[in-house]
Amino acid sequence: GAVSAGPGRREQLLTAAREVLAHHGYERTTVSSIATKANVAKGTFYLYFASKDEVVAALQWRFGEGVAQRVTDAIGTRRTWPAKLDAVVTACFEDYDRRHAVHDILFHQSGVARPAAGGGTRSHAPVVAVIRRLLADGVERGAYRIDDVELTAVLLYNAIHGAFEAGYHGEGPTPRRRLVRA
């Protein structure tokens, strides 16, 4: 029978790709292995994605959206402006701590990176947008004094991300309390 196209099939392929990548890593993952895991023909994969790298880019974007949502949720649990900034750092730390293996496959093993305006990669744009919104709201309410909210959001995100990267790929994990305090 004919395979129906639609958002359900794309989701099925993304789920399969995430599972195959997690199990086999980037290098050993193929379009065929993703299609097999999704229980679709290889040609069906190409209806939704042009390549393995394109499905990885979609997973990177989804990863960034997930982090952004968890950061947004964490900010919403805090009442003071300093606590909201602490929530950003803590939520990012907890997310990275729980998902660093997936992060490494998607962002380090794959080598797939699509630059975003303002620095970072396109997949990090949702997290930077949440930070930018928090900073802009804080400036508007007189809680923060920031001349360039956009650049400050990018710098804050990159500082947080860099600290975690150094912890997992460098000098050893930095304690959460120390990161939040900094």
N, C-alpha and C. Protein backbone atom coordinates (compact mmCIF):
# COMPACT_ATOMS: atom_id res chain seq x y z
N GLY A 1 0.82 -1.19 0.00
CA GLY A 1 0.00 0.00 0.00
C GLY A 1 0.85 1.23 0.00
N ALA A 2 0.22 2.34 -0.29
CA ALA A 2 0.90 3.63 -0.33
C ALA A 2 1.16 4.13 1.08
N VAL A 3 2.28 4.78 1.24
CA VAL A 3 2.63 5.38 2.52
C VAL A 3 2.10 6.80 2.53
N SER A 4 1.35 7.16 3.57
CA SER A 4 0.81 8.51 3.62
C SER A 4 1.88 9.47 4.13
N ALA A 5 1.89 10.64 3.52
CA ALA A 5 2.82 11.67 3.97
C ALA A 5 2.13 12.51 5.03
N GLY A 6 2.90 13.20 5.82
CA GLY A 6 2.32 14.08 6.82
C GLY A 6 3.27 14.28 7.97
N PRO A 7 2.86 15.13 8.91
CA PRO A 7 3.74 15.44 10.04
C PRO A 7 4.03 14.21 10.90
N GLY A 8 3.13 13.24 10.94
CA GLY A 8 3.37 12.03 11.72
C GLY A 8 4.56 11.24 11.20
N ARG A 9 4.73 11.18 9.92
CA ARG A 9 5.84 10.44 9.32
C ARG A 9 7.17 11.15 9.61
N ARG A 10 7.17 12.47 9.53
CA ARG A 10 8.39 13.23 9.84
C ARG A 10 8.79 13.00 11.30
N GLU A 11 7.81 13.04 12.19
CA GLU A 11 8.08 12.77 13.61
C GLU A 11 8.63 11.36 13.80
N GLN A 12 8.08 10.43 13.09
CA GLN A 12 8.53 9.03 13.16
C GLN A 12 9.99 8.93 12.74
N LEU A 13 10.36 9.64 11.69
CA LEU A 13 11.74 9.64 11.21
C LEU A 13 12.67 10.33 12.21
N LEU A 14 12.23 11.44 12.79
CA LEU A 14 13.05 12.13 13.78
C LEU A 14 13.27 11.25 15.01
N THR A 15 12.24 10.59 15.47
CA THR A 15 12.36 9.69 16.62
C THR A 15 13.33 8.56 16.31
N ALA A 16 13.17 7.98 15.13
CA ALA A 16 14.06 6.88 14.72
C ALA A 16 15.50 7.37 14.63
N ALA A 17 15.70 8.54 14.03
CA ALA A 17 17.05 9.09 13.90
C ALA A 17 17.68 9.32 15.27
N ARG A 18 16.92 9.89 16.19
CA ARG A 18 17.44 10.13 17.54
C ARG A 18 17.86 8.82 18.19
N GLU A 19 17.05 7.79 18.06
CA GLU A 19 17.36 6.49 18.67
C GLU A 19 18.57 5.83 18.03
N VAL A 20 18.66 5.86 16.71
CA VAL A 20 19.79 5.25 16.01
C VAL A 20 21.08 6.01 16.34
N LEU A 21 21.01 7.33 16.32
CA LEU A 21 22.19 8.14 16.67
C LEU A 21 22.65 7.85 18.10
N ALA A 22 21.71 7.76 19.03
CA ALA A 22 22.06 7.50 20.43
C ALA A 22 22.70 6.13 20.59
N HIS A 23 22.25 5.18 19.82
CA HIS A 23 22.78 3.81 19.94
C HIS A 23 24.08 3.60 19.18
N HIS A 24 24.18 4.18 17.98
CA HIS A 24 25.33 3.91 17.11
C HIS A 24 26.30 5.07 16.96
N GLY A 25 25.92 6.28 17.37
CA GLY A 25 26.77 7.44 17.13
C GLY A 25 26.58 7.96 15.72
N TYR A 26 27.16 9.12 15.46
CA TYR A 26 26.96 9.77 14.18
C TYR A 26 27.57 8.99 13.01
N GLU A 27 28.82 8.61 13.14
CA GLU A 27 29.53 7.97 12.02
C GLU A 27 28.87 6.68 11.55
N ARG A 28 28.38 5.87 12.48
CA ARG A 28 27.80 4.57 12.11
C ARG A 28 26.32 4.66 11.75
N THR A 29 25.71 5.82 11.92
CA THR A 29 24.32 6.01 11.54
C THR A 29 24.24 6.30 10.05
N THR A 30 23.34 5.62 9.39
CA THR A 30 23.12 5.84 7.96
C THR A 30 21.65 6.17 7.72
N VAL A 31 21.37 6.72 6.54
CA VAL A 31 19.98 6.97 6.15
C VAL A 31 19.22 5.65 6.16
N SER A 32 19.86 4.58 5.68
CA SER A 32 19.21 3.27 5.66
C SER A 32 18.86 2.79 7.06
N SER A 33 19.77 3.00 8.03
CA SER A 33 19.49 2.54 9.39
C SER A 33 18.36 3.35 10.02
N ILE A 34 18.26 4.63 9.69
CA ILE A 34 17.16 5.46 10.19
C ILE A 34 15.84 5.00 9.57
N ALA A 35 15.84 4.78 8.26
CA ALA A 35 14.62 4.32 7.58
C ALA A 35 14.17 2.96 8.12
N THR A 36 15.12 2.07 8.33
CA THR A 36 14.79 0.74 8.88
C THR A 36 14.18 0.88 10.26
N LYS A 37 14.78 1.69 11.10
CA LYS A 37 14.27 1.89 12.46
C LYS A 37 12.86 2.50 12.42
N ALA A 38 12.62 3.40 11.47
CA ALA A 38 11.31 4.04 11.33
C ALA A 38 10.31 3.15 10.61
N ASN A 39 10.77 2.01 10.11
CA ASN A 39 9.92 1.06 9.39
C ASN A 39 9.31 1.70 8.13
N VAL A 40 10.18 2.44 7.41
CA VAL A 40 9.78 3.04 6.15
C VAL A 40 10.84 2.74 5.09
N ALA A 41 10.47 2.91 3.85
CA ALA A 41 11.43 2.75 2.75
C ALA A 41 12.42 3.92 2.78
N LYS A 42 13.63 3.65 2.31
CA LYS A 42 14.67 4.68 2.28
C LYS A 42 14.19 5.91 1.49
N GLY A 43 13.45 5.68 0.44
CA GLY A 43 12.92 6.79 -0.37
C GLY A 43 11.99 7.68 0.44
N THR A 44 11.28 7.10 1.40
CA THR A 44 10.39 7.89 2.25
C THR A 44 11.20 8.88 3.09
N PHE A 45 12.36 8.44 3.56
CA PHE A 45 13.24 9.35 4.29
C PHE A 45 13.50 10.60 3.46
N TYR A 46 13.80 10.40 2.17
CA TYR A 46 14.18 11.52 1.30
C TYR A 46 12.99 12.42 0.94
N LEU A 47 11.78 12.02 1.26
CA LEU A 47 10.64 12.92 1.10
C LEU A 47 10.67 14.03 2.16
N TYR A 48 11.34 13.75 3.28
CA TYR A 48 11.35 14.68 4.41
C TYR A 48 12.70 15.33 4.66
N PHE A 49 13.78 14.62 4.34
CA PHE A 49 15.12 15.11 4.62
C PHE A 49 16.02 14.79 3.43
N ALA A 50 16.89 15.74 3.08
CA ALA A 50 17.79 15.55 1.94
C ALA A 50 18.98 14.67 2.29
N SER A 51 19.30 14.57 3.59
CA SER A 51 20.50 13.84 3.99
C SER A 51 20.46 13.53 5.48
N LYS A 52 21.42 12.75 5.92
CA LYS A 52 21.59 12.49 7.35
C LYS A 52 21.87 13.80 8.08
N ASP A 53 22.69 14.66 7.49
CA ASP A 53 22.99 15.93 8.14
C ASP A 53 21.75 16.80 8.31
N GLU A 54 20.84 16.74 7.37
CA GLU A 54 19.62 17.54 7.49
C GLU A 54 18.73 17.04 8.63
N VAL A 55 18.65 15.73 8.82
CA VAL A 55 17.87 15.21 9.94
C VAL A 55 18.58 15.54 11.26
N VAL A 56 19.90 15.54 11.28
CA VAL A 56 20.64 15.95 12.48
C VAL A 56 20.37 17.42 12.78
N ALA A 57 20.36 18.27 11.75
CA ALA A 57 20.06 19.70 11.97
C ALA A 57 18.66 19.87 12.56
N ALA A 58 17.71 19.08 12.10
CA ALA A 58 16.35 19.14 12.65
C ALA A 58 16.35 18.69 14.12
N LEU A 59 17.13 17.68 14.44
CA LEU A 59 17.24 17.23 15.83
C LEU A 59 17.95 18.27 16.70
N GLN A 60 18.94 18.95 16.13
CA GLN A 60 19.61 20.02 16.86
C GLN A 60 18.62 21.14 17.20
N TRP A 61 17.80 21.51 16.22
CA TRP A 61 16.80 22.55 16.44
C TRP A 61 15.83 22.11 17.54
N ARG A 62 15.38 20.89 17.47
CA ARG A 62 14.46 20.35 18.49
C ARG A 62 15.14 20.35 19.86
N PHE A 63 16.40 20.00 19.89
CA PHE A 63 17.16 20.02 21.15
C PHE A 63 17.16 21.44 21.73
N GLY A 64 17.47 22.42 20.90
CA GLY A 64 17.48 23.81 21.34
C GLY A 64 16.12 24.29 21.82
N GLU A 65 15.06 23.90 21.12
CA GLU A 65 13.71 24.26 21.55
C GLU A 65 13.38 23.65 22.90
N GLY A 66 13.81 22.41 23.12
CA GLY A 66 13.56 21.76 24.40
C GLY A 66 14.27 22.46 25.55
N VAL A 67 15.53 22.83 25.33
CA VAL A 67 16.27 23.56 26.36
C VAL A 67 15.57 24.90 26.63
N ALA A 68 15.17 25.59 25.57
CA ALA A 68 14.50 26.88 25.73
C ALA A 68 13.23 26.75 26.55
N GLN A 69 12.47 25.70 26.31
CA GLN A 69 11.23 25.50 27.07
C GLN A 69 11.53 25.23 28.54
N ARG A 70 12.54 24.41 28.80
CA ARG A 70 12.88 24.11 30.19
C ARG A 70 13.44 25.35 30.91
N VAL A 71 14.18 26.18 30.20
CA VAL A 71 14.66 27.43 30.79
C VAL A 71 13.49 28.37 31.06
N THR A 72 12.58 28.48 30.12
CA THR A 72 11.38 29.31 30.31
C THR A 72 10.59 28.85 31.52
N ASP A 73 10.40 27.55 31.64
CA ASP A 73 9.67 27.01 32.79
C ASP A 73 10.38 27.34 34.10
N ALA A 74 11.70 27.22 34.11
CA ALA A 74 12.47 27.50 35.33
C ALA A 74 12.38 28.98 35.71
N ILE A 75 12.46 29.86 34.73
CA ILE A 75 12.34 31.30 34.99
C ILE A 75 10.98 31.60 35.63
N GLY A 76 9.96 30.92 35.13
CA GLY A 76 8.60 31.16 35.64
C GLY A 76 8.40 30.76 37.09
N THR A 77 9.30 29.96 37.63
CA THR A 77 9.17 29.54 39.03
C THR A 77 9.83 30.52 39.99
N ARG A 78 10.51 31.54 39.47
CA ARG A 78 11.26 32.47 40.32
C ARG A 78 10.56 33.82 40.37
N ARG A 79 10.68 34.49 41.49
CA ARG A 79 9.98 35.76 41.68
C ARG A 79 10.88 36.97 41.47
N THR A 80 12.13 36.89 41.92
CA THR A 80 13.01 38.06 41.82
C THR A 80 13.83 38.00 40.54
N TRP A 81 14.30 39.17 40.11
CA TRP A 81 15.09 39.23 38.88
C TRP A 81 16.43 38.51 39.02
N PRO A 82 17.14 38.66 40.15
CA PRO A 82 18.38 37.87 40.29
C PRO A 82 18.10 36.36 40.28
N ALA A 83 17.01 35.94 40.91
CA ALA A 83 16.67 34.52 40.94
C ALA A 83 16.32 34.02 39.54
N LYS A 84 15.72 34.87 38.72
CA LYS A 84 15.40 34.48 37.35
C LYS A 84 16.68 34.21 36.55
N LEU A 85 17.70 35.05 36.74
CA LEU A 85 18.99 34.80 36.08
C LEU A 85 19.63 33.51 36.60
N ASP A 86 19.55 33.31 37.91
CA ASP A 86 20.06 32.05 38.48
C ASP A 86 19.32 30.85 37.87
N ALA A 87 18.02 31.01 37.64
CA ALA A 87 17.23 29.92 37.06
C ALA A 87 17.71 29.56 35.66
N VAL A 88 18.13 30.57 34.90
CA VAL A 88 18.66 30.31 33.55
C VAL A 88 19.89 29.41 33.66
N VAL A 89 20.82 29.79 34.52
CA VAL A 89 22.05 29.02 34.66
C VAL A 89 21.74 27.61 35.18
N THR A 90 20.92 27.53 36.21
CA THR A 90 20.60 26.23 36.80
C THR A 90 19.89 25.33 35.81
N ALA A 91 18.91 25.86 35.09
CA ALA A 91 18.17 25.05 34.12
C ALA A 91 19.08 24.57 33.00
N CYS A 92 19.95 25.45 32.51
CA CYS A 92 20.90 25.04 31.47
C CYS A 92 21.84 23.96 32.01
N PHE A 93 22.33 24.15 33.22
CA PHE A 93 23.22 23.17 33.83
C PHE A 93 22.54 21.82 33.94
N GLU A 94 21.34 21.80 34.49
CA GLU A 94 20.62 20.53 34.67
C GLU A 94 20.33 19.87 33.33
N ASP A 95 19.96 20.68 32.35
CA ASP A 95 19.66 20.13 31.03
C ASP A 95 20.92 19.53 30.41
N TYR A 96 22.01 20.26 30.46
CA TYR A 96 23.25 19.77 29.88
C TYR A 96 23.74 18.53 30.61
N ASP A 97 23.60 18.55 31.95
CA ASP A 97 24.03 17.42 32.75
C ASP A 97 23.25 16.16 32.36
N ARG A 98 21.97 16.28 32.14
CA ARG A 98 21.13 15.13 31.78
C ARG A 98 21.29 14.71 30.32
N ARG A 99 21.61 15.64 29.46
CA ARG A 99 21.57 15.35 28.02
C ARG A 99 22.92 15.53 27.33
N HIS A 100 24.02 15.53 28.08
CA HIS A 100 25.30 15.81 27.43
C HIS A 100 25.68 14.74 26.43
N ALA A 101 25.29 13.49 26.63
CA ALA A 101 25.64 12.44 25.66
C ALA A 101 24.95 12.71 24.32
N VAL A 102 23.67 13.07 24.37
CA VAL A 102 22.93 13.39 23.13
C VAL A 102 23.50 14.66 22.51
N HIS A 103 23.80 15.65 23.35
CA HIS A 103 24.39 16.90 22.88
C HIS A 103 25.68 16.61 22.11
N ASP A 104 26.53 15.76 22.67
CA ASP A 104 27.80 15.46 22.03
C ASP A 104 27.62 14.81 20.66
N ILE A 105 26.66 13.89 20.56
CA ILE A 105 26.41 13.25 19.27
C ILE A 105 25.92 14.28 18.26
N LEU A 106 24.94 15.09 18.67
CA LEU A 106 24.33 16.04 17.73
C LEU A 106 25.25 17.18 17.35
N PHE A 107 26.05 17.66 18.30
CA PHE A 107 26.82 18.88 18.04
C PHE A 107 28.31 18.66 17.86
N HIS A 108 28.86 17.62 18.44
CA HIS A 108 30.31 17.40 18.32
C HIS A 108 30.63 16.30 17.31
N GLN A 109 30.00 15.14 17.45
CA GLN A 109 30.29 14.05 16.52
C GLN A 109 29.85 14.39 15.11
N SER A 110 28.70 15.01 14.97
CA SER A 110 28.14 15.23 13.64
C SER A 110 28.90 16.29 12.85
N GLY A 111 29.39 17.30 13.51
CA GLY A 111 30.03 18.39 12.80
C GLY A 111 29.04 19.25 12.03
N VAL A 112 27.74 19.01 12.22
CA VAL A 112 26.71 19.79 11.56
C VAL A 112 26.50 21.05 12.37
N ALA A 113 26.75 22.19 11.76
CA ALA A 113 26.54 23.47 12.45
C ALA A 113 26.07 24.49 11.44
N ARG A 114 24.96 25.09 11.74
CA ARG A 114 24.44 26.15 10.88
C ARG A 114 24.53 27.45 11.66
N PRO A 115 25.40 28.35 11.25
CA PRO A 115 25.58 29.60 12.00
C PRO A 115 24.29 30.40 12.09
N ALA A 116 24.12 31.06 13.22
CA ALA A 116 22.97 31.92 13.44
C ALA A 116 23.42 33.37 13.47
N ALA A 117 22.49 34.27 13.14
CA ALA A 117 22.80 35.69 13.26
C ALA A 117 23.07 35.99 14.73
N GLY A 118 24.06 36.77 15.01
CA GLY A 118 24.35 37.17 16.37
C GLY A 118 25.26 36.22 17.11
N GLY A 119 25.74 35.18 16.47
CA GLY A 119 26.66 34.26 17.13
C GLY A 119 26.00 32.96 17.50
N GLY A 120 26.79 31.96 17.73
CA GLY A 120 26.28 30.64 18.08
C GLY A 120 25.78 29.92 16.85
N THR A 121 25.03 28.88 17.07
CA THR A 121 24.45 28.14 15.96
C THR A 121 22.95 28.35 15.96
N ARG A 122 22.35 28.08 14.84
CA ARG A 122 20.91 28.26 14.68
C ARG A 122 20.14 27.48 15.73
N SER A 123 20.61 26.31 16.11
CA SER A 123 19.90 25.48 17.07
C SER A 123 19.91 26.09 18.47
N HIS A 124 20.84 26.99 18.75
CA HIS A 124 20.89 27.65 20.05
C HIS A 124 20.01 28.89 20.09
N ALA A 125 19.50 29.32 18.94
CA ALA A 125 18.71 30.54 18.86
C ALA A 125 17.51 30.54 19.80
N PRO A 126 16.79 29.44 20.00
CA PRO A 126 15.65 29.49 20.93
C PRO A 126 16.06 29.80 22.36
N VAL A 127 17.20 29.29 22.80
CA VAL A 127 17.67 29.54 24.17
C VAL A 127 18.11 31.00 24.29
N VAL A 128 18.83 31.48 23.31
CA VAL A 128 19.26 32.89 23.32
C VAL A 128 18.03 33.80 23.32
N ALA A 129 16.99 33.43 22.59
CA ALA A 129 15.76 34.24 22.55
C ALA A 129 15.10 34.32 23.93
N VAL A 130 15.10 33.22 24.67
CA VAL A 130 14.53 33.22 26.02
C VAL A 130 15.34 34.14 26.92
N ILE A 131 16.66 34.04 26.84
CA ILE A 131 17.52 34.90 27.66
C ILE A 131 17.33 36.36 27.28
N ARG A 132 17.26 36.64 25.98
CA ARG A 132 17.06 38.01 25.50
C ARG A 132 15.74 38.58 26.03
N ARG A 133 14.69 37.76 25.99
CA ARG A 133 13.38 38.20 26.48
C ARG A 133 13.44 38.52 27.98
N LEU A 134 14.10 37.65 28.76
CA LEU A 134 14.24 37.88 30.20
C LEU A 134 15.00 39.19 30.45
N LEU A 135 16.10 39.38 29.75
CA LEU A 135 16.90 40.59 29.95
C LEU A 135 16.12 41.83 29.55
N ALA A 136 15.42 41.78 28.42
CA ALA A 136 14.63 42.93 27.97
C ALA A 136 13.52 43.25 28.97
N ASP A 137 12.85 42.24 29.49
CA ASP A 137 11.81 42.47 30.50
C ASP A 137 12.41 43.08 31.75
N GLY A 138 13.57 42.59 32.16
CA GLY A 138 14.24 43.13 33.34
C GLY A 138 14.67 44.56 33.16
N VAL A 139 15.17 44.89 31.97
CA VAL A 139 15.56 46.28 31.67
C VAL A 139 14.32 47.18 31.72
N GLU A 140 13.25 46.71 31.09
CA GLU A 140 12.00 47.49 31.05
C GLU A 140 11.46 47.77 32.45
N ARG A 141 11.65 46.85 33.36
CA ARG A 141 11.14 47.00 34.72
C ARG A 141 12.17 47.61 35.67
N GLY A 142 13.33 47.98 35.13
CA GLY A 142 14.34 48.64 35.95
C GLY A 142 15.17 47.70 36.81
N ALA A 143 15.09 46.40 36.55
CA ALA A 143 15.83 45.42 37.36
C ALA A 143 17.27 45.25 36.88
N TYR A 144 17.50 45.44 35.59
CA TYR A 144 18.83 45.30 35.01
C TYR A 144 19.18 46.58 34.26
N ARG A 145 20.46 46.87 34.20
CA ARG A 145 20.98 47.97 33.38
C ARG A 145 21.83 47.33 32.31
N ILE A 146 21.32 47.25 31.11
CA ILE A 146 22.02 46.61 30.00
C ILE A 146 21.87 47.49 28.77
N ASP A 147 22.98 47.87 28.17
CA ASP A 147 22.94 48.72 26.98
C ASP A 147 22.59 47.93 25.72
N ASP A 148 23.10 46.71 25.60
CA ASP A 148 22.89 45.91 24.40
C ASP A 148 22.33 44.54 24.81
N VAL A 149 21.03 44.46 24.89
CA VAL A 149 20.36 43.24 25.36
C VAL A 149 20.68 42.06 24.45
N GLU A 150 20.66 42.27 23.14
CA GLU A 150 20.91 41.19 22.18
C GLU A 150 22.29 40.57 22.41
N LEU A 151 23.31 41.41 22.43
CA LEU A 151 24.66 40.90 22.59
C LEU A 151 24.86 40.29 23.99
N THR A 152 24.27 40.90 24.99
CA THR A 152 24.39 40.36 26.35
C THR A 152 23.76 38.97 26.44
N ALA A 153 22.63 38.77 25.76
CA ALA A 153 21.99 37.44 25.75
C ALA A 153 22.90 36.41 25.10
N VAL A 154 23.52 36.77 23.99
CA VAL A 154 24.44 35.87 23.30
C VAL A 154 25.65 35.57 24.19
N LEU A 155 26.20 36.61 24.82
CA LEU A 155 27.35 36.41 25.70
C LEU A 155 27.00 35.52 26.88
N LEU A 156 25.84 35.76 27.49
CA LEU A 156 25.43 34.96 28.64
C LEU A 156 25.25 33.50 28.24
N TYR A 157 24.57 33.27 27.12
CA TYR A 157 24.38 31.89 26.66
C TYR A 157 25.73 31.22 26.41
N ASN A 158 26.62 31.92 25.70
CA ASN A 158 27.91 31.33 25.37
C ASN A 158 28.78 31.10 26.60
N ALA A 159 28.67 31.97 27.59
CA ALA A 159 29.41 31.78 28.83
C ALA A 159 28.91 30.53 29.55
N ILE A 160 27.59 30.37 29.63
CA ILE A 160 27.02 29.19 30.29
C ILE A 160 27.44 27.93 29.53
N HIS A 161 27.24 27.94 28.23
CA HIS A 161 27.55 26.78 27.40
C HIS A 161 29.03 26.45 27.48
N GLY A 162 29.88 27.46 27.41
CA GLY A 162 31.33 27.24 27.48
C GLY A 162 31.76 26.64 28.80
N ALA A 163 31.14 27.06 29.89
CA ALA A 163 31.49 26.51 31.21
C ALA A 163 31.14 25.02 31.27
N PHE A 164 30.01 24.65 30.70
CA PHE A 164 29.63 23.23 30.73
C PHE A 164 30.51 22.41 29.80
N GLU A 165 30.81 22.96 28.65
CA GLU A 165 31.69 22.27 27.71
C GLU A 165 33.05 22.02 28.34
N ALA A 166 33.59 23.03 29.01
CA ALA A 166 34.88 22.87 29.67
C ALA A 166 34.79 21.80 30.75
N GLY A 167 33.68 21.76 31.43
CA GLY A 167 33.49 20.77 32.48
C GLY A 167 33.44 19.35 31.97
N TYR A 168 32.80 19.15 30.83
CA TYR A 168 32.68 17.79 30.30
C TYR A 168 33.81 17.39 29.37
N HIS A 169 34.47 18.37 28.79
CA HIS A 169 35.52 18.05 27.81
C HIS A 169 36.86 18.64 28.18
N GLY A 170 36.97 19.11 29.40
CA GLY A 170 38.22 19.76 29.80
C GLY A 170 38.60 19.43 31.21
N GLU A 171 38.53 20.44 32.05
CA GLU A 171 39.09 20.37 33.39
C GLU A 171 38.27 19.56 34.38
N GLY A 172 37.12 19.09 34.05
CA GLY A 172 36.26 18.39 34.99
C GLY A 172 35.06 19.24 35.31
N PRO A 173 33.99 18.62 35.79
CA PRO A 173 32.74 19.36 36.01
C PRO A 173 32.91 20.51 37.01
N THR A 174 32.30 21.62 36.68
CA THR A 174 32.28 22.76 37.59
C THR A 174 31.04 22.61 38.46
N PRO A 175 31.18 22.71 39.77
CA PRO A 175 30.01 22.55 40.63
C PRO A 175 28.92 23.56 40.30
N ARG A 176 27.68 23.11 40.33
CA ARG A 176 26.53 23.95 39.99
C ARG A 176 26.51 25.22 40.83
N ARG A 177 26.71 25.11 42.12
CA ARG A 177 26.65 26.28 43.00
C ARG A 177 27.67 27.33 42.55
N ARG A 178 28.85 26.88 42.16
CA ARG A 178 29.90 27.81 41.71
C ARG A 178 29.48 28.51 40.41
N LEU A 179 28.86 27.76 39.49
CA LEU A 179 28.40 28.35 38.22
C LEU A 179 27.33 29.39 38.47
N VAL A 180 26.35 29.07 39.30
CA VAL A 180 25.26 30.00 39.56
C VAL A 180 25.81 31.24 40.26
N ARG A 181 26.68 31.07 41.22
CA ARG A 181 27.25 32.20 41.94
C ARG A 181 28.03 33.10 40.98
N ALA A 182 28.76 32.51 40.04
CA ALA A 182 29.54 33.29 39.09
C ALA A 182 28.62 34.08 38.16
